[in-house]
Amino acid sequence: MKNPLFENLVACIVNNNSNKFSEILKKNPIDLNSKDGKGWTLLHYAAQYLTVEIGQILISGGADVNTKDNFGNNI
């Protein structure tokens, strides 16, 4: 099942838009450890796209740095 909020946050990560990312999170709290169909969390995407500031936002918000995707990979 697709989650439009998750997808919007991933788009912010891909575009390295930390301001919009933070704005969306403030208005729409989400479980920072939510996963997509691949088992990726927002932190997986932040690591993949090297968006350090967004990664810091996620970690300070409680994202699990040890979570694994569907293939057993972590960040």
PDB file of N, CA and C in Angstrom:
ATOM      1  N   MET A   1       0.843  -1.171   0.000  1.00  0.00           N
ATOM      2  CA  MET A   1       0.000   0.000   0.000  1.00  0.00           C
ATOM      3  C   MET A   1       0.894   1.242   0.000  1.00  0.00           C
ATOM      4  N   LYS A   2       0.574   2.190  -0.853  1.00  0.00           N
ATOM      5  CA  LYS A   2       1.357   3.417  -0.937  1.00  0.00           C
ATOM      6  C   LYS A   2       0.889   4.408   0.116  1.00  0.00           C
ATOM      7  N   ASN A   3       1.835   5.137   0.647  1.00  0.00           N
ATOM      8  CA  ASN A   3       1.567   6.149   1.658  1.00  0.00           C
ATOM      9  C   ASN A   3       2.003   7.499   1.094  1.00  0.00           C
ATOM     10  N   PRO A   4       1.047   8.352   0.699  1.00  0.00           N
ATOM     11  CA  PRO A   4       1.401   9.638   0.090  1.00  0.00           C
ATOM     12  C   PRO A   4       2.299  10.503   0.974  1.00  0.00           C
ATOM     13  N   LEU A   5       2.089  10.481   2.278  1.00  0.00           N
ATOM     14  CA  LEU A   5       2.923  11.273   3.181  1.00  0.00           C
ATOM     15  C   LEU A   5       4.365  10.768   3.130  1.00  0.00           C
ATOM     16  N   PHE A   6       4.543   9.465   3.216  1.00  0.00           N
ATOM     17  CA  PHE A   6       5.879   8.860   3.133  1.00  0.00           C
ATOM     18  C   PHE A   6       6.531   9.238   1.806  1.00  0.00           C
ATOM     19  N   GLU A   7       5.772   9.143   0.717  1.00  0.00           N
ATOM     20  CA  GLU A   7       6.300   9.463  -0.611  1.00  0.00           C
ATOM     21  C   GLU A   7       6.697  10.932  -0.715  1.00  0.00           C
ATOM     22  N   ASN A   8       5.917  11.826  -0.119  1.00  0.00           N
ATOM     23  CA  ASN A   8       6.270  13.250  -0.128  1.00  0.00           C
ATOM     24  C   ASN A   8       7.559  13.495   0.644  1.00  0.00           C
ATOM     25  N   LEU A   9       7.723  12.810   1.757  1.00  0.00           N
ATOM     26  CA  LEU A   9       8.947  12.959   2.543  1.00  0.00           C
ATOM     27  C   LEU A   9      10.148  12.402   1.783  1.00  0.00           C
ATOM     28  N   VAL A  10       9.968  11.298   1.087  1.00  0.00           N
ATOM     29  CA  VAL A  10      11.050  10.746   0.268  1.00  0.00           C
ATOM     30  C   VAL A  10      11.414  11.735  -0.839  1.00  0.00           C
ATOM     31  N   ALA A  11      10.427  12.374  -1.438  1.00  0.00           N
ATOM     32  CA  ALA A  11      10.709  13.377  -2.474  1.00  0.00           C
ATOM     33  C   ALA A  11      11.552  14.516  -1.907  1.00  0.00           C
ATOM     34  N   CYS A  12      11.274  14.924  -0.692  1.00  0.00           N
ATOM     35  CA  CYS A  12      12.086  15.967  -0.044  1.00  0.00           C
ATOM     36  C   CYS A  12      13.519  15.481   0.139  1.00  0.00           C
ATOM     37  N   ILE A  13      13.672  14.228   0.492  1.00  0.00           N
ATOM     38  CA  ILE A  13      15.009  13.658   0.672  1.00  0.00           C
ATOM     39  C   ILE A  13      15.750  13.641  -0.663  1.00  0.00           C
ATOM     40  N   VAL A  14      15.101  13.140  -1.702  1.00  0.00           N
ATOM     41  CA  VAL A  14      15.718  13.054  -3.025  1.00  0.00           C
ATOM     42  C   VAL A  14      16.156  14.441  -3.503  1.00  0.00           C
ATOM     43  N   ASN A  15      15.351  15.449  -3.197  1.00  0.00           N
ATOM     44  CA  ASN A  15      15.655  16.823  -3.613  1.00  0.00           C
ATOM     45  C   ASN A  15      16.459  17.599  -2.574  1.00  0.00           C
ATOM     46  N   ASN A  16      16.851  16.927  -1.501  1.00  0.00           N
ATOM     47  CA  ASN A  16      17.629  17.524  -0.410  1.00  0.00           C
ATOM     48  C   ASN A  16      16.987  18.816   0.100  1.00  0.00           C
ATOM     49  N   ASN A  17      15.688  18.751   0.336  1.00  0.00           N
ATOM     50  CA  ASN A  17      14.941  19.919   0.800  1.00  0.00           C
ATOM     51  C   ASN A  17      14.579  19.730   2.275  1.00  0.00           C
ATOM     52  N   SER A  18      15.527  20.039   3.138  1.00  0.00           N
ATOM     53  CA  SER A  18      15.323  19.812   4.572  1.00  0.00           C
ATOM     54  C   SER A  18      14.274  20.743   5.166  1.00  0.00           C
ATOM     55  N   ASN A  19      14.148  21.955   4.616  1.00  0.00           N
ATOM     56  CA  ASN A  19      13.133  22.879   5.139  1.00  0.00           C
ATOM     57  C   ASN A  19      11.729  22.336   4.912  1.00  0.00           C
ATOM     58  N   LYS A  20      11.453  21.895   3.693  1.00  0.00           N
ATOM     59  CA  LYS A  20      10.130  21.342   3.393  1.00  0.00           C
ATOM     60  C   LYS A  20       9.911  20.045   4.173  1.00  0.00           C
ATOM     61  N   PHE A  21      10.951  19.227   4.294  1.00  0.00           N
ATOM     62  CA  PHE A  21      10.875  17.984   5.056  1.00  0.00           C
ATOM     63  C   PHE A  21      10.423  18.278   6.482  1.00  0.00           C
ATOM     64  N   SER A  22      11.078  19.233   7.125  1.00  0.00           N
ATOM     65  CA  SER A  22      10.729  19.602   8.507  1.00  0.00           C
ATOM     66  C   SER A  22       9.317  20.155   8.598  1.00  0.00           C
ATOM     67  N   GLU A  23       8.942  20.964   7.620  1.00  0.00           N
ATOM     68  CA  GLU A  23       7.599  21.559   7.593  1.00  0.00           C
ATOM     69  C   GLU A  23       6.530  20.474   7.501  1.00  0.00           C
ATOM     70  N   ILE A  24       6.741  19.504   6.627  1.00  0.00           N
ATOM     71  CA  ILE A  24       5.775  18.412   6.469  1.00  0.00           C
ATOM     72  C   ILE A  24       5.672  17.606   7.759  1.00  0.00           C
ATOM     73  N   LEU A  25       6.817  17.303   8.383  1.00  0.00           N
ATOM     74  CA  LEU A  25       6.803  16.530   9.631  1.00  0.00           C
ATOM     75  C   LEU A  25       6.064  17.254  10.747  1.00  0.00           C
ATOM     76  N   LYS A  26       6.228  18.572  10.825  1.00  0.00           N
ATOM     77  CA  LYS A  26       5.540  19.342  11.871  1.00  0.00           C
ATOM     78  C   LYS A  26       4.030  19.260  11.712  1.00  0.00           C
ATOM     79  N   LYS A  27       3.577  19.345  10.472  1.00  0.00           N
ATOM     80  CA  LYS A  27       2.136  19.345  10.206  1.00  0.00           C
ATOM     81  C   LYS A  27       1.538  17.943  10.216  1.00  0.00           C
ATOM     82  N   ASN A  28       2.356  16.949   9.921  1.00  0.00           N
ATOM     83  CA  ASN A  28       1.874  15.570   9.774  1.00  0.00           C
ATOM     84  C   ASN A  28       2.823  14.602  10.463  1.00  0.00           C
ATOM     85  N   PRO A  29       2.741  14.481  11.775  1.00  0.00           N
ATOM     86  CA  PRO A  29       3.635  13.543  12.461  1.00  0.00           C
ATOM     87  C   PRO A  29       3.484  12.130  11.881  1.00  0.00           C
ATOM     88  N   ILE A  30       4.593  11.462  11.742  1.00  0.00           N
ATOM     89  CA  ILE A  30       4.608  10.116  11.167  1.00  0.00           C
ATOM     90  C   ILE A  30       5.582   9.272  11.989  1.00  0.00           C
ATOM     91  N   ASP A  31       5.348   7.987  12.018  1.00  0.00           N
ATOM     92  CA  ASP A  31       6.297   7.074  12.653  1.00  0.00           C
ATOM     93  C   ASP A  31       7.574   7.103  11.811  1.00  0.00           C
ATOM     94  N   LEU A  32       8.657   7.607  12.366  1.00  0.00           N
ATOM     95  CA  LEU A  32       9.901   7.750  11.618  1.00  0.00           C
ATOM     96  C   LEU A  32      10.525   6.413  11.253  1.00  0.00           C
ATOM     97  N   ASN A  33       9.992   5.339  11.782  1.00  0.00           N
ATOM     98  CA  ASN A  33      10.489   4.007  11.445  1.00  0.00           C
ATOM     99  C   ASN A  33       9.544   3.262  10.501  1.00  0.00           C
ATOM    100  N   SER A  34       8.593   3.993   9.903  1.00  0.00           N
ATOM    101  CA  SER A  34       7.712   3.395   8.896  1.00  0.00           C
ATOM    102  C   SER A  34       8.559   2.900   7.733  1.00  0.00           C
ATOM    103  N   LYS A  35       8.087   1.836   7.087  1.00  0.00           N
ATOM    104  CA  LYS A  35       8.835   1.250   5.975  1.00  0.00           C
ATOM    105  C   LYS A  35       7.983   1.213   4.715  1.00  0.00           C
ATOM    106  N   ASP A  36       8.668   1.257   3.579  1.00  0.00           N
ATOM    107  CA  ASP A  36       7.977   1.114   2.304  1.00  0.00           C
ATOM    108  C   ASP A  36       7.993  -0.358   1.888  1.00  0.00           C
ATOM    109  N   GLY A  37       7.633  -0.643   0.662  1.00  0.00           N
ATOM    110  CA  GLY A  37       7.559  -2.020   0.181  1.00  0.00           C
ATOM    111  C   GLY A  37       8.886  -2.762   0.182  1.00  0.00           C
ATOM    112  N   LYS A  38      10.006  -2.019   0.110  1.00  0.00           N
ATOM    113  CA  LYS A  38      11.342  -2.625   0.146  1.00  0.00           C
ATOM    114  C   LYS A  38      11.847  -2.790   1.571  1.00  0.00           C
ATOM    115  N   GLY A  39      11.054  -2.261   2.516  1.00  0.00           N
ATOM    116  CA  GLY A  39      11.495  -2.282   3.904  1.00  0.00           C
ATOM    117  C   GLY A  39      12.388  -1.105   4.249  1.00  0.00           C
ATOM    118  N   TRP A  40      12.426  -0.109   3.368  1.00  0.00           N
ATOM    119  CA  TRP A  40      13.251   1.073   3.601  1.00  0.00           C
ATOM    120  C   TRP A  40      12.508   2.070   4.469  1.00  0.00           C
ATOM    121  N   THR A  41      13.229   2.652   5.412  1.00  0.00           N
ATOM    122  CA  THR A  41      12.703   3.754   6.216  1.00  0.00           C
ATOM    123  C   THR A  41      13.173   5.057   5.584  1.00  0.00           C
ATOM    124  N   LEU A  42      12.682   6.156   6.126  1.00  0.00           N
ATOM    125  CA  LEU A  42      13.147   7.460   5.649  1.00  0.00           C
ATOM    126  C   LEU A  42      14.652   7.606   5.854  1.00  0.00           C
ATOM    127  N   LEU A  43      15.164   7.006   6.913  1.00  0.00           N
ATOM    128  CA  LEU A  43      16.600   7.084   7.182  1.00  0.00           C
ATOM    129  C   LEU A  43      17.404   6.320   6.124  1.00  0.00           C
ATOM    130  N   HIS A  44      16.872   5.206   5.622  1.00  0.00           N
ATOM    131  CA  HIS A  44      17.539   4.501   4.521  1.00  0.00           C
ATOM    132  C   HIS A  44      17.672   5.438   3.320  1.00  0.00           C
ATOM    133  N   TYR A  45      16.583   6.147   3.002  1.00  0.00           N
ATOM    134  CA  TYR A  45      16.620   7.074   1.871  1.00  0.00           C
ATOM    135  C   TYR A  45      17.588   8.225   2.125  1.00  0.00           C
ATOM    136  N   ALA A  46      17.582   8.756   3.330  1.00  0.00           N
ATOM    137  CA  ALA A  46      18.494   9.857   3.659  1.00  0.00           C
ATOM    138  C   ALA A  46      19.948   9.413   3.484  1.00  0.00           C
ATOM    139  N   ALA A  47      20.255   8.193   3.888  1.00  0.00           N
ATOM    140  CA  ALA A  47      21.614   7.672   3.719  1.00  0.00           C
ATOM    141  C   ALA A  47      21.935   7.459   2.240  1.00  0.00           C
ATOM    142  N   GLN A  48      20.987   6.895   1.504  1.00  0.00           N
ATOM    143  CA  GLN A  48      21.193   6.632   0.075  1.00  0.00           C
ATOM    144  C   GLN A  48      21.474   7.918  -0.694  1.00  0.00           C
ATOM    145  N   TYR A  49      20.754   8.983  -0.368  1.00  0.00           N
ATOM    146  CA  TYR A  49      20.886  10.249  -1.091  1.00  0.00           C
ATOM    147  C   TYR A  49      21.817  11.239  -0.398  1.00  0.00           C
ATOM    148  N   LEU A  50      22.514  10.775   0.638  1.00  0.00           N
ATOM    149  CA  LEU A  50      23.521  11.584   1.338  1.00  0.00           C
ATOM    150  C   LEU A  50      22.980  12.920   1.835  1.00  0.00           C
ATOM    151  N   THR A  51      21.749  12.895   2.327  1.00  0.00           N
ATOM    152  CA  THR A  51      21.136  14.111   2.868  1.00  0.00           C
ATOM    153  C   THR A  51      21.381  14.141   4.372  1.00  0.00           C
ATOM    154  N   VAL A  52      22.545  14.643   4.728  1.00  0.00           N
ATOM    155  CA  VAL A  52      23.011  14.617   6.113  1.00  0.00           C
ATOM    156  C   VAL A  52      22.072  15.368   7.047  1.00  0.00           C
ATOM    157  N   GLU A  53      21.643  16.560   6.644  1.00  0.00           N
ATOM    158  CA  GLU A  53      20.777  17.351   7.525  1.00  0.00           C
ATOM    159  C   GLU A  53      19.463  16.625   7.811  1.00  0.00           C
ATOM    160  N   ILE A  54      18.876  16.028   6.790  1.00  0.00           N
ATOM    161  CA  ILE A  54      17.630  15.281   6.992  1.00  0.00           C
ATOM    162  C   ILE A  54      17.905  14.042   7.842  1.00  0.00           C
ATOM    163  N   GLY A  55      19.030  13.401   7.623  1.00  0.00           N
ATOM    164  CA  GLY A  55      19.409  12.266   8.463  1.00  0.00           C
ATOM    165  C   GLY A  55      19.499  12.659   9.926  1.00  0.00           C
ATOM    166  N   GLN A  56      20.065  13.818  10.191  1.00  0.00           N
ATOM    167  CA  GLN A  56      20.172  14.310  11.564  1.00  0.00           C
ATOM    168  C   GLN A  56      18.794  14.599  12.155  1.00  0.00           C
ATOM    169  N   ILE A  57      17.905  15.159  11.340  1.00  0.00           N
ATOM    170  CA  ILE A  57      16.531  15.420  11.795  1.00  0.00           C
ATOM    171  C   ILE A  57      15.870  14.104  12.195  1.00  0.00           C
ATOM    172  N   LEU A  58      16.035  13.099  11.360  1.00  0.00           N
ATOM    173  CA  LEU A  58      15.418  11.796  11.620  1.00  0.00           C
ATOM    174  C   LEU A  58      15.983  11.145  12.879  1.00  0.00           C
ATOM    175  N   ILE A  59      17.293  11.158  13.013  1.00  0.00           N
ATOM    176  CA  ILE A  59      17.921  10.526  14.177  1.00  0.00           C
ATOM    177  C   ILE A  59      17.541  11.256  15.459  1.00  0.00           C
ATOM    178  N   SER A  60      17.553  12.583  15.422  1.00  0.00           N
ATOM    179  CA  SER A  60      17.177  13.331  16.630  1.00  0.00           C
ATOM    180  C   SER A  60      15.702  13.146  16.959  1.00  0.00           C
ATOM    181  N   GLY A  61      14.891  12.779  15.951  1.00  0.00           N
ATOM    182  CA  GLY A  61      13.471  12.529  16.166  1.00  0.00           C
ATOM    183  C   GLY A  61      13.164  11.108  16.600  1.00  0.00           C
ATOM    184  N   GLY A  62      14.195  10.261  16.664  1.00  0.00           N
ATOM    185  CA  GLY A  62      13.985   8.901  17.149  1.00  0.00           C
ATOM    186  C   GLY A  62      14.047   7.801  16.111  1.00  0.00           C
ATOM    187  N   ALA A  63      14.487   8.109  14.895  1.00  0.00           N
ATOM    188  CA  ALA A  63      14.606   7.058  13.879  1.00  0.00           C
ATOM    189  C   ALA A  63      15.640   6.026  14.324  1.00  0.00           C
ATOM    190  N   ASP A  64      15.328   4.765  14.097  1.00  0.00           N
ATOM    191  CA  ASP A  64      16.195   3.657  14.504  1.00  0.00           C
ATOM    192  C   ASP A  64      17.324   3.479  13.490  1.00  0.00           C
ATOM    193  N   VAL A  65      18.554   3.717  13.923  1.00  0.00           N
ATOM    194  CA  VAL A  65      19.701   3.599  13.021  1.00  0.00           C
ATOM    195  C   VAL A  65      20.075   2.141  12.745  1.00  0.00           C
ATOM    196  N   ASN A  66      19.482   1.215  13.459  1.00  0.00           N
ATOM    197  CA  ASN A  66      19.802  -0.206  13.285  1.00  0.00           C
ATOM    198  C   ASN A  66      18.738  -0.987  12.530  1.00  0.00           C
ATOM    199  N   THR A  67      17.681  -0.323  12.075  1.00  0.00           N
ATOM    200  CA  THR A  67      16.612  -1.039  11.387  1.00  0.00           C
ATOM    201  C   THR A  67      17.122  -1.608  10.065  1.00  0.00           C
ATOM    202  N   LYS A  68      16.574  -2.749   9.676  1.00  0.00           N
ATOM    203  CA  LYS A  68      17.010  -3.425   8.454  1.00  0.00           C
ATOM    204  C   LYS A  68      15.886  -3.448   7.430  1.00  0.00           C
ATOM    205  N   ASP A  69      16.280  -3.441   6.156  1.00  0.00           N
ATOM    206  CA  ASP A  69      15.296  -3.530   5.085  1.00  0.00           C
ATOM    207  C   ASP A  69      14.918  -4.992   4.852  1.00  0.00           C
ATOM    208  N   ASN A  70      14.139  -5.247   3.814  1.00  0.00           N
ATOM    209  CA  ASN A  70      13.658  -6.603   3.540  1.00  0.00           C
ATOM    210  C   ASN A  70      14.775  -7.580   3.172  1.00  0.00           C
ATOM    211  N   PHE A  71      15.961  -7.054   2.863  1.00  0.00           N
ATOM    212  CA  PHE A  71      17.089  -7.894   2.474  1.00  0.00           C
ATOM    213  C   PHE A  71      18.122  -8.029   3.591  1.00  0.00           C
ATOM    214  N   GLY A  72      17.781  -7.485   4.764  1.00  0.00           N
ATOM    215  CA  GLY A  72      18.672  -7.586   5.912  1.00  0.00           C
ATOM    216  C   GLY A  72      19.740  -6.511   5.977  1.00  0.00           C
ATOM    217  N   ASN A  73      19.628  -5.501   5.100  1.00  0.00           N
ATOM    218  CA  ASN A  73      20.611  -4.415   5.082  1.00  0.00           C
ATOM    219  C   ASN A  73      20.173  -3.280   5.991  1.00  0.00           C
ATOM    220  N   ASN A  74      21.128  -2.687   6.683  1.00  0.00           N
ATOM    221  CA  ASN A  74      20.821  -1.474   7.439  1.00  0.00           C
ATOM    222  C   ASN A  74      21.552  -0.313   6.780  1.00  0.00           C
ATOM    223  N   ILE A  75      21.440   0.856   7.398  1.00  0.00           N
ATOM    224  CA  ILE A  75      22.067   2.010   6.767  1.00  0.00           C
ATOM    225  C   ILE A  75      23.563   1.969   6.958  1.00  0.00           C
TER     226      ILE A  75
END
